Every structure is written in C-alpha cells, then in structure tokens.
C-alpha cells in the first residue's frame, strides 16, 4: 500500500459499503481540498452475485468516480474475519500508515453481521493504533503510533438514530453513480445472476429515499447520517446555523 497522510480514511468490510454509506461525505470533503482514502477489509467473495475479481474492478471504477486519493484492500476473509489480534494489527498498520484525523466505519449494528463486527474491529484498532508499545511495520520500517481524533459510523441497511447528518446534496448524483459502478450487485436486468436483496431497482430507491429523509431533517435535499463515539464539541454556533427556507 502507498503511504500518504489522509484527512479521512473510510473503512468498509465489503466493496460497495463505503459507496452506499458515506461516499457523499467523502466527495464533499474532496471538493473542500481534503485528502480521502478507502480501505475495504474483504473482497466480498461470499456475495451471491459476481466474483471477488470483478468486485475489485468495480471498486476501482467507483474510486475513480469518487476521486479518492487511495483505495486498498486488506484481504480478510469475507464472513469469517474476527475482531482478534491478527486482524486488529492489519487495521492498526493501515491507520498508522495513512494517519487520518477522521475514520469512518461500518454501522455498529445492521442486517449483515459482518457490518457490526467490522465496526467494532475498526473502532478497537483505531484506539490501539495510538499505543506506542504495539509494534507494527510497513515495508520493513517501524511505524509510529497514531490515533484518529474521531471514529464515526455511517448508516447502512437499518435506520439508526444519527448523532449528526452531513449535507451531500451537491454530489448525490455522483454517489448514485459510484454505487452503480457495481454492476454485478445493483443490476437485475439482462443477467443470469440470481435476484438478491440489493439487486432490485427498489433497493436503490430506498438508498435515495433515506438520503432525502435525512436531508429533510436539516432543510437540505440529501444527507448522510453518522453515529459518533464521542460527544462533539463546538466553540461557536456558526457551523450549525442554516438558512432553511
């Protein structure tokens, strides 16, 4: 994996988790000049449709649409990874390599059991990455300890009460484009692949409806919701004042 300092590092247990959950936020941050990266924990090889190789190609196309600085895959076993030392060390090394100020992670609980397990794995690793007595290396060089300032969990299938929501209205169309880069997952027409929970047009409608519902709560067209592990502090009311018409 390449090394660079990132402002935001988004983790997804499966390729397409980030696109569905937080790609709008990533693209808004990139538009502000922030450096953003994505790390997929697995290749989604247990998915009913497509293959690991094809999903890697789709992930690369989605990364181009989002214009992220880097996208890597840790190669964990889809469905069978654990929140244990070996897997924590992989995530710790990635966090230390990219030194993000903010980490975005899977939903803390969800329909797919991998999502909640990934959320805890990344959260635990983000804390442990700040302990200097835990030794990790990258390309044979000892890494320095690094703890992100914040870990935020994005929403996935189940609705969870958000700690805050992020306006993504200007990039909503690109978000849907990044999702549709996964043609094996979100297209039920013209294929012999079996129909799945996420492959129908109705599923994509719910993605957009969720963003509309969250946007309505803050007076914008579309938004993404997050659960914060910390209380967020303000030094001024200015960041939260909005002109809602």
Protein backbone atom coordinates (compact mmCIF):
# COMPACT_ATOMS: atom_id res chain seq x y z
CA UNK A 1 0.00 0.00 0.00
CA UNK A 2 1.14 3.53 -0.78
CA UNK A 3 1.85 5.89 2.11
CA UNK A 4 0.34 9.34 2.44
CA UNK A 5 -1.22 11.49 5.13
CA UNK A 6 -5.02 11.47 4.82
CA UNK A 7 -7.63 13.69 6.39
CA UNK A 8 -10.33 11.00 6.23
CA UNK A 9 -9.99 7.22 5.94
CA UNK A 10 -13.19 5.26 5.29
CA UNK A 11 -13.33 1.55 6.06
CA UNK A 12 -15.87 -0.83 4.55
CA UNK A 13 -15.99 -4.54 5.20
CA UNK A 14 -17.24 -5.20 1.64
CA UNK A 15 -16.56 -3.32 -1.58
CA UNK A 16 -19.64 -1.07 -2.05
CA UNK A 17 -20.23 -0.49 1.71
CA UNK A 18 -18.48 2.87 1.55
CA UNK A 19 -20.32 3.86 -1.63
CA UNK A 20 -23.69 3.12 -0.06
CA UNK A 21 -22.95 4.56 3.37
CA UNK A 22 -20.62 7.54 3.13
CA UNK A 23 -19.48 8.26 -0.43
CA UNK A 24 -21.37 11.56 -0.49
CA UNK A 25 -19.49 12.77 2.57
CA UNK A 26 -16.16 11.70 1.05
CA UNK A 27 -16.84 13.57 -2.18
CA UNK A 28 -17.92 16.70 -0.30
CA UNK A 29 -14.65 16.56 1.66
CA UNK A 30 -12.61 16.07 -1.51
CA UNK A 31 -14.31 19.12 -3.03
CA UNK A 32 -13.06 21.08 0.00
CA UNK A 33 -9.49 20.00 -0.75
CA UNK A 34 -9.21 17.22 1.82
CA UNK A 35 -7.27 14.01 1.18
CA UNK A 36 -9.52 10.99 1.41
CA UNK A 37 -8.89 7.24 1.17
CA UNK A 38 -10.82 3.98 1.36
CA UNK A 39 -9.83 0.60 2.76
CA UNK A 40 -12.01 -2.44 2.10
CA UNK A 41 -11.45 -5.23 4.60
CA UNK A 42 -12.57 -8.09 2.31
CA UNK A 43 -13.14 -8.67 -1.39
CA UNK A 44 -16.77 -9.59 -0.84
CA UNK A 45 -16.08 -13.07 -2.16
CA UNK A 46 -19.14 -14.61 -0.48
CA UNK A 47 -21.52 -12.29 -2.32
CA UNK A 48 -24.25 -14.15 -4.25
CA UNK A 49 -23.55 -12.23 -7.44
CA UNK A 50 -20.29 -11.52 -9.24
CA UNK A 51 -16.84 -12.60 -8.09
CA UNK A 52 -14.03 -11.21 -5.98
CA UNK A 53 -12.04 -10.30 -9.10
CA UNK A 54 -14.95 -8.46 -10.70
CA UNK A 55 -15.79 -6.64 -7.50
CA UNK A 56 -12.21 -5.41 -7.26
CA UNK A 57 -12.58 -3.96 -10.76
CA UNK A 58 -15.88 -2.36 -9.80
CA UNK A 59 -14.30 -0.89 -6.65
CA UNK A 60 -11.57 0.68 -8.77
CA UNK A 61 -14.16 2.26 -11.08
CA UNK A 62 -16.10 3.59 -8.11
CA UNK A 63 -12.89 5.05 -6.64
CA UNK A 64 -12.32 6.93 -9.90
CA UNK A 65 -15.83 8.37 -9.76
CA UNK A 66 -15.32 9.48 -6.17
CA UNK A 67 -11.77 10.73 -6.95
CA UNK A 68 -10.32 9.34 -3.73
CA UNK A 69 -6.54 9.53 -3.27
CA UNK A 70 -6.11 5.84 -2.47
CA UNK A 71 -8.14 2.65 -2.20
CA UNK A 72 -6.70 -0.56 -0.78
CA UNK A 73 -7.97 -3.98 0.28
CA UNK A 74 -6.74 -5.85 3.37
CA UNK A 75 -7.76 -9.27 2.01
CA UNK A 76 -9.60 -10.50 5.10
CA UNK A 77 -11.93 -13.49 4.75
CA UNK A 78 -15.44 -12.37 3.89
CA UNK A 79 -17.84 -13.64 6.55
CA UNK A 80 -15.13 -15.25 8.69
CA UNK A 81 -12.82 -12.46 9.87
CA UNK A 82 -12.65 -11.86 13.62
CA UNK A 83 -12.02 -8.96 15.94
CA UNK A 84 -8.81 -10.56 17.19
CA UNK A 85 -5.18 -9.52 17.45
CA UNK A 86 -4.20 -10.61 13.95
CA UNK A 87 -6.98 -8.66 12.27
CA UNK A 88 -6.59 -5.68 14.60
CA UNK A 89 -2.92 -5.45 13.67
CA UNK A 90 -3.82 -5.22 9.97
CA UNK A 91 -6.15 -2.29 10.65
CA UNK A 92 -3.71 -0.68 13.11
CA UNK A 93 -0.97 -0.76 10.47
CA UNK A 94 -3.30 0.82 7.88
CA UNK A 95 -4.32 3.60 10.27
CA UNK A 96 -0.71 4.32 11.17
CA UNK A 97 0.26 4.30 7.51
CA UNK A 98 -2.30 6.91 6.47
CA UNK A 99 -2.60 8.82 9.78
CA UNK A 100 -6.19 10.01 9.27
CA UNK A 101 -7.74 12.61 11.52
CA UNK A 102 -11.17 11.03 10.97
CA UNK A 103 -12.05 7.37 10.46
CA UNK A 104 -15.41 6.35 9.00
CA UNK A 105 -16.53 2.79 9.75
CA UNK A 106 -19.40 0.39 9.19
CA UNK A 107 -22.65 0.65 11.10
CA UNK A 108 -22.39 -0.60 14.71
CA UNK A 109 -25.34 -2.94 14.10
CA UNK A 110 -27.02 -3.96 10.88
CA UNK A 111 -28.76 -6.67 8.87
CA UNK A 112 -25.44 -8.18 7.75
CA UNK A 113 -23.43 -9.50 10.74
CA UNK A 114 -20.14 -8.52 9.06
CA UNK A 115 -21.07 -4.84 9.38
CA UNK A 116 -21.30 -4.71 13.15
CA UNK A 117 -18.24 -6.92 13.57
CA UNK A 118 -16.25 -4.67 11.25
CA UNK A 119 -17.43 -1.58 13.14
CA UNK A 120 -16.05 -2.93 16.42
CA UNK A 121 -12.83 -4.17 14.79
CA UNK A 122 -12.07 -0.76 13.26
CA UNK A 123 -13.09 1.12 16.41
CA UNK A 124 -10.88 -1.04 18.63
CA UNK A 125 -7.97 -0.83 16.20
CA UNK A 126 -8.28 2.96 16.00
CA UNK A 127 -7.75 3.15 19.75
CA UNK A 128 -4.95 0.58 19.83
CA UNK A 129 -3.14 2.35 16.99
CA UNK A 130 -2.35 5.12 19.47
CA UNK A 131 -0.47 2.82 21.85
CA UNK A 132 3.24 3.15 21.13
CA UNK A 133 4.11 -0.21 22.71
CA UNK A 134 2.18 -2.02 19.99
CA UNK A 135 4.74 -2.61 17.25
CA UNK A 136 3.77 -2.62 13.57
CA UNK A 137 5.80 -2.21 10.41
CA UNK A 138 5.21 -1.00 6.87
CA UNK A 139 7.68 -2.07 4.18
CA UNK A 140 10.07 -3.18 6.93
CA UNK A 141 10.02 0.21 8.68
CA UNK A 142 8.70 0.59 12.22
CA UNK A 143 5.52 2.67 12.32
CA UNK A 144 4.80 5.49 14.74
CA UNK A 145 1.73 5.37 16.96
CA UNK A 146 -1.26 7.29 15.60
CA UNK A 147 -4.79 7.63 16.97
CA UNK A 148 -7.52 9.30 14.89
CA UNK A 149 -9.33 12.16 16.59
CA UNK A 150 -12.73 10.72 15.71
CA UNK A 151 -14.37 7.46 14.62
CA UNK A 152 -17.78 7.96 13.02
CA UNK A 153 -20.06 5.11 11.95
CA UNK A 154 -22.15 5.51 8.82
CA UNK A 155 -25.64 4.10 8.39
CA UNK A 156 -26.35 1.03 6.30
CA UNK A 157 -29.49 -1.07 5.90
CA UNK A 158 -31.10 -0.46 9.29
CA UNK A 159 -32.04 3.03 10.38
CA UNK A 160 -30.08 4.14 13.44
CA UNK A 161 -30.64 7.46 15.18
CA UNK A 162 -27.80 9.66 13.90
CA UNK A 163 -25.58 11.81 16.09
CA UNK A 164 -25.31 14.20 13.15
CA UNK A 165 -26.05 14.32 9.43
CA UNK A 166 -23.94 15.63 6.57
CA UNK A 167 -25.36 17.59 3.63
CA UNK A 168 -24.44 15.75 0.41
CA UNK A 169 -26.90 17.46 -1.94
CA UNK A 170 -24.31 18.69 -4.49
CA UNK A 171 -22.89 15.18 -5.03
CA UNK A 172 -25.95 12.95 -4.73
CA UNK A 173 -25.94 12.07 -8.44
CA UNK A 174 -22.26 11.10 -8.24
CA UNK A 175 -22.99 9.00 -5.16
CA UNK A 176 -25.54 7.02 -7.15
CA UNK A 177 -23.04 6.75 -10.00
CA UNK A 178 -20.42 5.31 -7.64
CA UNK A 179 -22.95 2.77 -6.35
CA UNK A 180 -23.93 1.78 -9.91
CA UNK A 181 -20.26 1.11 -10.70
CA UNK A 182 -21.00 -2.23 -9.00
CA UNK A 183 -22.96 -3.59 -11.94
CA UNK A 184 -22.91 -7.13 -10.59
CA UNK A 185 -24.58 -6.06 -7.35
CA UNK A 186 -27.13 -3.41 -8.31
CA UNK A 187 -28.50 -4.50 -11.67
CA UNK A 188 -31.10 -7.25 -12.02
CA UNK A 189 -31.71 -6.75 -15.75
CA UNK A 190 -30.02 -8.69 -18.54
CA UNK A 191 -28.19 -11.17 -16.34
CA UNK A 192 -28.48 -14.82 -15.36
CA UNK A 193 -27.38 -13.98 -11.82
CA UNK A 194 -29.95 -14.62 -9.07
CA UNK A 195 -32.00 -11.73 -7.72
CA UNK A 196 -30.83 -10.59 -4.30
CA UNK A 197 -31.95 -8.19 -1.58
CA UNK A 198 -29.88 -5.36 -3.09
CA UNK A 199 -30.11 -6.09 -6.83
CA UNK A 200 -33.59 -4.70 -7.49
CA UNK A 201 -34.34 -1.10 -8.53
CA UNK A 202 -36.43 -0.76 -5.36
CA UNK A 203 -33.33 -1.11 -3.20
CA UNK A 204 -31.65 1.84 -4.89
CA UNK A 205 -34.84 3.84 -4.41
CA UNK A 206 -34.57 3.23 -0.67
CA UNK A 207 -30.97 4.50 -0.69
CA UNK A 208 -32.13 7.75 -2.25
CA UNK A 209 -35.20 7.94 -0.01
CA UNK A 210 -33.02 7.56 3.11
CA UNK A 211 -30.81 10.42 1.93
CA UNK A 212 -33.89 12.54 1.22
CA UNK A 213 -35.37 11.80 4.65
CA UNK A 214 -32.14 12.73 6.44
CA UNK A 215 -31.77 15.82 4.29
CA UNK A 216 -35.28 16.94 5.16
CA UNK A 217 -34.35 16.92 8.84
CA UNK A 218 -31.78 19.68 8.25
CA UNK A 219 -33.51 21.51 5.43
CA UNK A 220 -31.43 20.23 2.51
CA UNK A 221 -32.14 17.88 -0.39
CA UNK A 222 -29.94 14.93 0.61
CA UNK A 223 -27.81 13.93 3.60
CA UNK A 224 -25.91 11.01 5.15
CA UNK A 225 -26.19 10.11 8.83
CA UNK A 226 -23.45 9.21 11.33
CA UNK A 227 -23.16 7.80 14.83
CA UNK A 228 -20.36 9.39 16.86
CA UNK A 229 -18.42 7.55 19.55
CA UNK A 230 -17.63 10.90 21.21
CA UNK A 231 -19.61 13.96 22.17
CA UNK A 232 -18.86 16.59 19.55
CA UNK A 233 -17.75 19.98 20.89
CA UNK A 234 -18.36 23.45 19.45
CA UNK A 235 -16.60 26.73 20.09
CA UNK A 236 -19.18 28.68 18.09
CA UNK A 237 -22.77 28.25 16.89
CA UNK A 238 -21.78 29.42 13.40
CA UNK A 239 -21.14 25.94 11.93
CA UNK A 240 -24.69 24.82 12.75
CA UNK A 241 -26.61 27.92 11.67
CA UNK A 242 -28.51 27.24 8.45
CA UNK A 243 -30.72 29.27 6.18
CA UNK A 244 -33.73 26.96 5.86
CA UNK A 245 -36.39 28.30 3.54
